[in-house]
Amino acid sequence: MRIGIISDTHSYWDEQYLKYLEPCDEIWHAGDICSVELAERLAAFRPLRAVCGNCDGGDLRRMFPEILRWKCEEVDVLMKHIGGYPGRYDASIRNRIYASPPKLFISGHSHILKVQYDKTLGLLHINPGAAGMQGWQKERTLVRLTIEGSEFKDCEVVTLGTLRAK
């Protein structure tokens, strides 16, 4: 299964989302969607799994949980907007990760693109960076990943462009 992983769109729609997410079977959004219309547009394009972020309002909080855990092929996936990084997981999710480590942990929030393997827990952590126009990051990014059985393949960072000067 080919997955498009995106986060921190902050209500910003970019036609490039469709271009780069077109080859994907599903879209996973790691929070701070900030717009029901944007969520609906992504969901109309491809099946959407998402979590709410700290900037998401009531309607999005009713649509999406704060934490989502599921199986994709043979991979146990855990997604939460504020999650931290290997060795520095956020207190809000740390105990859950250590008690039952997923094979893939996805988070957003920091706007920092990071794909990192946690050797201690044997899990892959992905933060796709920020795809929107809000924040301090220099480049807008998303990640594409293929999951075949229990294996990760073809992990690819897509740069959508630079953040506009304010």
C-alpha atoms as a PDB file:
ATOM      1  CA  MET A   1       0.000   0.000   0.000  1.00  0.00           C
ATOM      2  CA  ARG A   2       1.331   3.418  -0.981  1.00  0.00           C
ATOM      3  CA  ILE A   3       0.764   6.077   1.701  1.00  0.00           C
ATOM      4  CA  GLY A   4       0.942   9.868   1.533  1.00  0.00           C
ATOM      5  CA  ILE A   5       1.805  11.325   4.955  1.00  0.00           C
ATOM      6  CA  ILE A   6       1.073  14.997   5.503  1.00  0.00           C
ATOM      7  CA  SER A   7       0.786  17.337   8.484  1.00  0.00           C
ATOM      8  CA  ASP A   8       0.341  20.923   9.563  1.00  0.00           C
ATOM      9  CA  THR A   9      -1.556  22.192   6.537  1.00  0.00           C
ATOM     10  CA  HIS A  10      -3.104  24.949   8.691  1.00  0.00           C
ATOM     11  CA  SER A  11      -6.067  25.440   6.288  1.00  0.00           C
ATOM     12  CA  TYR A  12      -3.764  25.890   3.285  1.00  0.00           C
ATOM     13  CA  TRP A  13      -4.752  24.081   0.097  1.00  0.00           C
ATOM     14  CA  ASP A  14      -2.073  23.472  -2.525  1.00  0.00           C
ATOM     15  CA  GLU A  15      -2.956  21.866  -5.871  1.00  0.00           C
ATOM     16  CA  GLN A  16       0.358  20.028  -5.567  1.00  0.00           C
ATOM     17  CA  TYR A  17      -1.240  17.871  -2.869  1.00  0.00           C
ATOM     18  CA  LEU A  18      -3.274  16.174  -5.587  1.00  0.00           C
ATOM     19  CA  LYS A  19      -0.253  15.769  -7.856  1.00  0.00           C
ATOM     20  CA  TYR A  20       1.945  14.157  -5.213  1.00  0.00           C
ATOM     21  CA  LEU A  21      -0.786  12.210  -3.411  1.00  0.00           C
ATOM     22  CA  GLU A  22      -2.320  10.842  -6.620  1.00  0.00           C
ATOM     23  CA  PRO A  23      -0.181   7.663  -6.665  1.00  0.00           C
ATOM     24  CA  CYS A  24      -1.117   6.943  -3.040  1.00  0.00           C
ATOM     25  CA  ASP A  25      -3.784   4.510  -1.844  1.00  0.00           C
ATOM     26  CA  GLU A  26      -4.416   6.463   1.362  1.00  0.00           C
ATOM     27  CA  ILE A  27      -3.594   9.838   2.888  1.00  0.00           C
ATOM     28  CA  TRP A  28      -2.582  10.055   6.535  1.00  0.00           C
ATOM     29  CA  HIS A  29      -2.759  13.535   8.086  1.00  0.00           C
ATOM     30  CA  ALA A  30      -0.904  14.025  11.389  1.00  0.00           C
ATOM     31  CA  GLY A  31      -2.957  16.993  12.591  1.00  0.00           C
ATOM     32  CA  ASP A  32      -3.354  20.750  12.442  1.00  0.00           C
ATOM     33  CA  ILE A  33      -5.617  20.451   9.437  1.00  0.00           C
ATOM     34  CA  CYS A  34      -7.464  23.582  10.643  1.00  0.00           C
ATOM     35  CA  SER A  35     -10.186  23.378   7.985  1.00  0.00           C
ATOM     36  CA  VAL A  36     -13.090  20.955   7.608  1.00  0.00           C
ATOM     37  CA  GLU A  37     -13.185  21.850   3.902  1.00  0.00           C
ATOM     38  CA  LEU A  38      -9.541  20.858   3.457  1.00  0.00           C
ATOM     39  CA  ALA A  39     -10.147  17.536   5.265  1.00  0.00           C
ATOM     40  CA  GLU A  40     -13.201  16.853   3.113  1.00  0.00           C
ATOM     41  CA  ARG A  41     -11.283  17.700  -0.059  1.00  0.00           C
ATOM     42  CA  LEU A  42      -8.484  15.274   0.838  1.00  0.00           C
ATOM     43  CA  ALA A  43     -11.011  12.586   1.822  1.00  0.00           C
ATOM     44  CA  ALA A  44     -12.859  13.001  -1.494  1.00  0.00           C
ATOM     45  CA  PHE A  45      -9.581  12.390  -3.321  1.00  0.00           C
ATOM     46  CA  ARG A  46      -8.252   9.381  -1.373  1.00  0.00           C
ATOM     47  CA  PRO A  47      -9.238   7.560   1.826  1.00  0.00           C
ATOM     48  CA  LEU A  48      -8.121   9.782   4.719  1.00  0.00           C
ATOM     49  CA  ARG A  49      -6.929   8.800   8.186  1.00  0.00           C
ATOM     50  CA  ALA A  50      -6.225  11.757  10.428  1.00  0.00           C
ATOM     51  CA  VAL A  51      -5.751  12.930  13.986  1.00  0.00           C
ATOM     52  CA  CYS A  52      -6.660  16.322  15.359  1.00  0.00           C
ATOM     53  CA  GLY A  53      -3.899  18.733  16.298  1.00  0.00           C
ATOM     54  CA  ASN A  54      -3.596  21.454  18.896  1.00  0.00           C
ATOM     55  CA  CYS A  55      -4.818  24.089  16.385  1.00  0.00           C
ATOM     56  CA  ASP A  56      -7.837  22.078  15.208  1.00  0.00           C
ATOM     57  CA  GLY A  57     -11.226  23.320  16.337  1.00  0.00           C
ATOM     58  CA  GLY A  58     -14.347  21.540  17.563  1.00  0.00           C
ATOM     59  CA  ASP A  59     -15.634  20.289  14.208  1.00  0.00           C
ATOM     60  CA  LEU A  60     -12.305  18.635  13.373  1.00  0.00           C
ATOM     61  CA  ARG A  61     -12.049  17.246  16.907  1.00  0.00           C
ATOM     62  CA  ARG A  62     -15.423  15.574  16.363  1.00  0.00           C
ATOM     63  CA  MET A  63     -14.267  14.198  13.005  1.00  0.00           C
ATOM     64  CA  PHE A  64     -10.850  12.900  14.081  1.00  0.00           C
ATOM     65  CA  PRO A  65      -9.442  11.464  17.316  1.00  0.00           C
ATOM     66  CA  GLU A  66      -6.381  12.767  19.148  1.00  0.00           C
ATOM     67  CA  ILE A  67      -4.685   9.353  18.866  1.00  0.00           C
ATOM     68  CA  LEU A  68      -5.211   6.782  16.143  1.00  0.00           C
ATOM     69  CA  ARG A  69      -3.863   3.224  16.081  1.00  0.00           C
ATOM     70  CA  TRP A  70      -4.510   0.688  13.335  1.00  0.00           C
ATOM     71  CA  LYS A  71      -2.933  -2.017  11.180  1.00  0.00           C
ATOM     72  CA  CYS A  72      -1.768  -1.296   7.649  1.00  0.00           C
ATOM     73  CA  GLU A  73      -0.896  -4.586   6.007  1.00  0.00           C
ATOM     74  CA  GLU A  74       1.144  -6.221   8.817  1.00  0.00           C
ATOM     75  CA  VAL A  75       2.385  -2.945  10.307  1.00  0.00           C
ATOM     76  CA  ASP A  76       1.056  -1.607  13.613  1.00  0.00           C
ATOM     77  CA  VAL A  77       0.700   2.171  13.138  1.00  0.00           C
ATOM     78  CA  LEU A  78       0.286   4.829  15.838  1.00  0.00           C
ATOM     79  CA  MET A  79      -0.371   8.483  14.976  1.00  0.00           C
ATOM     80  CA  LYS A  80      -0.623  11.540  17.250  1.00  0.00           C
ATOM     81  CA  HIS A  81      -0.063  15.194  16.407  1.00  0.00           C
ATOM     82  CA  ILE A  82       2.239  16.047  19.316  1.00  0.00           C
ATOM     83  CA  GLY A  83       4.484  13.042  19.685  1.00  0.00           C
ATOM     84  CA  GLY A  84       8.107  14.038  20.031  1.00  0.00           C
ATOM     85  CA  TYR A  85      10.949  11.915  18.662  1.00  0.00           C
ATOM     86  CA  PRO A  86      12.826   8.705  19.473  1.00  0.00           C
ATOM     87  CA  GLY A  87      14.448   9.147  22.855  1.00  0.00           C
ATOM     88  CA  ARG A  88      12.346  12.280  23.450  1.00  0.00           C
ATOM     89  CA  TYR A  89       8.732  11.201  23.056  1.00  0.00           C
ATOM     90  CA  ASP A  90       6.148  13.649  24.356  1.00  0.00           C
ATOM     91  CA  ALA A  91       4.828  12.895  27.853  1.00  0.00           C
ATOM     92  CA  SER A  92       1.285  12.633  26.435  1.00  0.00           C
ATOM     93  CA  ILE A  93       2.184   9.487  24.422  1.00  0.00           C
ATOM     94  CA  ARG A  94       5.460   8.199  25.908  1.00  0.00           C
ATOM     95  CA  ASN A  95       3.950   5.569  28.235  1.00  0.00           C
ATOM     96  CA  ARG A  96       1.744   4.163  25.473  1.00  0.00           C
ATOM     97  CA  ILE A  97       4.691   3.895  23.072  1.00  0.00           C
ATOM     98  CA  TYR A  98       6.937   2.177  25.638  1.00  0.00           C
ATOM     99  CA  ALA A  99       4.185  -0.161  26.894  1.00  0.00           C
ATOM    100  CA  SER A 100       3.295  -1.359  23.395  1.00  0.00           C
ATOM    101  CA  PRO A 101       5.628  -0.028  20.689  1.00  0.00           C
ATOM    102  CA  PRO A 102       4.101   0.279  17.229  1.00  0.00           C
ATOM    103  CA  LYS A 103       6.187  -0.537  14.173  1.00  0.00           C
ATOM    104  CA  LEU A 104       5.455   2.948  12.743  1.00  0.00           C
ATOM    105  CA  PHE A 105       4.884   6.117  14.785  1.00  0.00           C
ATOM    106  CA  ILE A 106       3.763   9.255  12.965  1.00  0.00           C
ATOM    107  CA  SER A 107       3.580  12.721  14.468  1.00  0.00           C
ATOM    108  CA  GLY A 108       3.515  16.342  13.321  1.00  0.00           C
ATOM    109  CA  HIS A 109       3.439  19.615  15.266  1.00  0.00           C
ATOM    110  CA  SER A 110       7.128  20.629  15.138  1.00  0.00           C
ATOM    111  CA  HIS A 111       7.085  21.472  11.400  1.00  0.00           C
ATOM    112  CA  ILE A 112      10.444  19.654  11.307  1.00  0.00           C
ATOM    113  CA  LEU A 113      10.765  16.898   8.723  1.00  0.00           C
ATOM    114  CA  LYS A 114      12.250  13.807  10.336  1.00  0.00           C
ATOM    115  CA  VAL A 115      12.424  10.141   9.358  1.00  0.00           C
ATOM    116  CA  GLN A 116      14.231   8.300  12.135  1.00  0.00           C
ATOM    117  CA  TYR A 117      14.530   4.701  13.278  1.00  0.00           C
ATOM    118  CA  ASP A 118      14.233   4.064  17.009  1.00  0.00           C
ATOM    119  CA  LYS A 119      16.668   1.195  17.608  1.00  0.00           C
ATOM    120  CA  THR A 120      15.619   0.814  21.245  1.00  0.00           C
ATOM    121  CA  LEU A 121      11.953   0.174  20.425  1.00  0.00           C
ATOM    122  CA  GLY A 122      12.375  -1.169  16.875  1.00  0.00           C
ATOM    123  CA  LEU A 123      10.045   1.382  15.316  1.00  0.00           C
ATOM    124  CA  LEU A 124      10.197   3.856  12.469  1.00  0.00           C
ATOM    125  CA  HIS A 125       9.245   7.429  13.367  1.00  0.00           C
ATOM    126  CA  ILE A 126       8.056   9.834  10.669  1.00  0.00           C
ATOM    127  CA  ASN A 127       7.259  13.501  11.024  1.00  0.00           C
ATOM    128  CA  PRO A 128       6.437  14.700   7.494  1.00  0.00           C
ATOM    129  CA  GLY A 129       7.203  18.326   8.347  1.00  0.00           C
ATOM    130  CA  ALA A 130       4.622  20.965   7.466  1.00  0.00           C
ATOM    131  CA  ALA A 131       2.739  21.172   4.167  1.00  0.00           C
ATOM    132  CA  GLY A 132       1.029  24.477   4.896  1.00  0.00           C
ATOM    133  CA  MET A 133       2.107  28.108   4.733  1.00  0.00           C
ATOM    134  CA  GLN A 134       2.054  28.807   8.470  1.00  0.00           C
ATOM    135  CA  GLY A 135       5.133  28.382  10.630  1.00  0.00           C
ATOM    136  CA  TRP A 136       8.831  29.006  10.630  1.00  0.00           C
ATOM    137  CA  GLN A 137       9.997  26.066   8.502  1.00  0.00           C
ATOM    138  CA  LYS A 138      11.848  26.994   5.318  1.00  0.00           C
ATOM    139  CA  GLU A 139      10.432  24.251   3.118  1.00  0.00           C
ATOM    140  CA  ARG A 140       6.971  22.712   2.902  1.00  0.00           C
ATOM    141  CA  THR A 141       7.134  18.915   2.778  1.00  0.00           C
ATOM    142  CA  LEU A 142       5.218  15.652   2.802  1.00  0.00           C
ATOM    143  CA  VAL A 143       6.360  12.029   2.825  1.00  0.00           C
ATOM    144  CA  ARG A 144       5.351   9.087   0.651  1.00  0.00           C
ATOM    145  CA  LEU A 145       5.936   5.542   1.849  1.00  0.00           C
ATOM    146  CA  THR A 146       5.077   2.053   0.628  1.00  0.00           C
ATOM    147  CA  ILE A 147       4.115  -0.645   3.106  1.00  0.00           C
ATOM    148  CA  GLU A 148       4.322  -4.213   1.813  1.00  0.00           C
ATOM    149  CA  GLY A 149       3.432  -6.784   4.422  1.00  0.00           C
ATOM    150  CA  SER A 150       5.662  -5.876   7.355  1.00  0.00           C
ATOM    151  CA  GLU A 151       8.227  -3.946   5.292  1.00  0.00           C
ATOM    152  CA  PHE A 152       8.711  -0.264   4.526  1.00  0.00           C
ATOM    153  CA  LYS A 153       9.825   0.601   0.997  1.00  0.00           C
ATOM    154  CA  ASP A 154      10.346   3.618  -1.214  1.00  0.00           C
ATOM    155  CA  CYS A 155      10.288   6.249   1.523  1.00  0.00           C
ATOM    156  CA  GLU A 156      10.369   9.571  -0.285  1.00  0.00           C
ATOM    157  CA  VAL A 157      10.388  13.179   0.888  1.00  0.00           C
ATOM    158  CA  VAL A 158       8.497  15.560  -1.392  1.00  0.00           C
ATOM    159  CA  THR A 159       9.347  19.263  -1.194  1.00  0.00           C
ATOM    160  CA  LEU A 160       6.326  21.368  -2.099  1.00  0.00           C
ATOM    161  CA  GLY A 161       8.177  24.679  -2.101  1.00  0.00           C
ATOM    162  CA  THR A 162       9.462  27.295   0.252  1.00  0.00           C
ATOM    163  CA  LEU A 163       7.489  29.257   2.785  1.00  0.00           C
ATOM    164  CA  ARG A 164       6.484  32.670   1.506  1.00  0.00           C
ATOM    165  CA  ALA A 165       8.089  35.664   3.157  1.00  0.00           C
ATOM    166  CA  LYS A 166       5.603  37.419   5.433  1.00  0.00           C
END
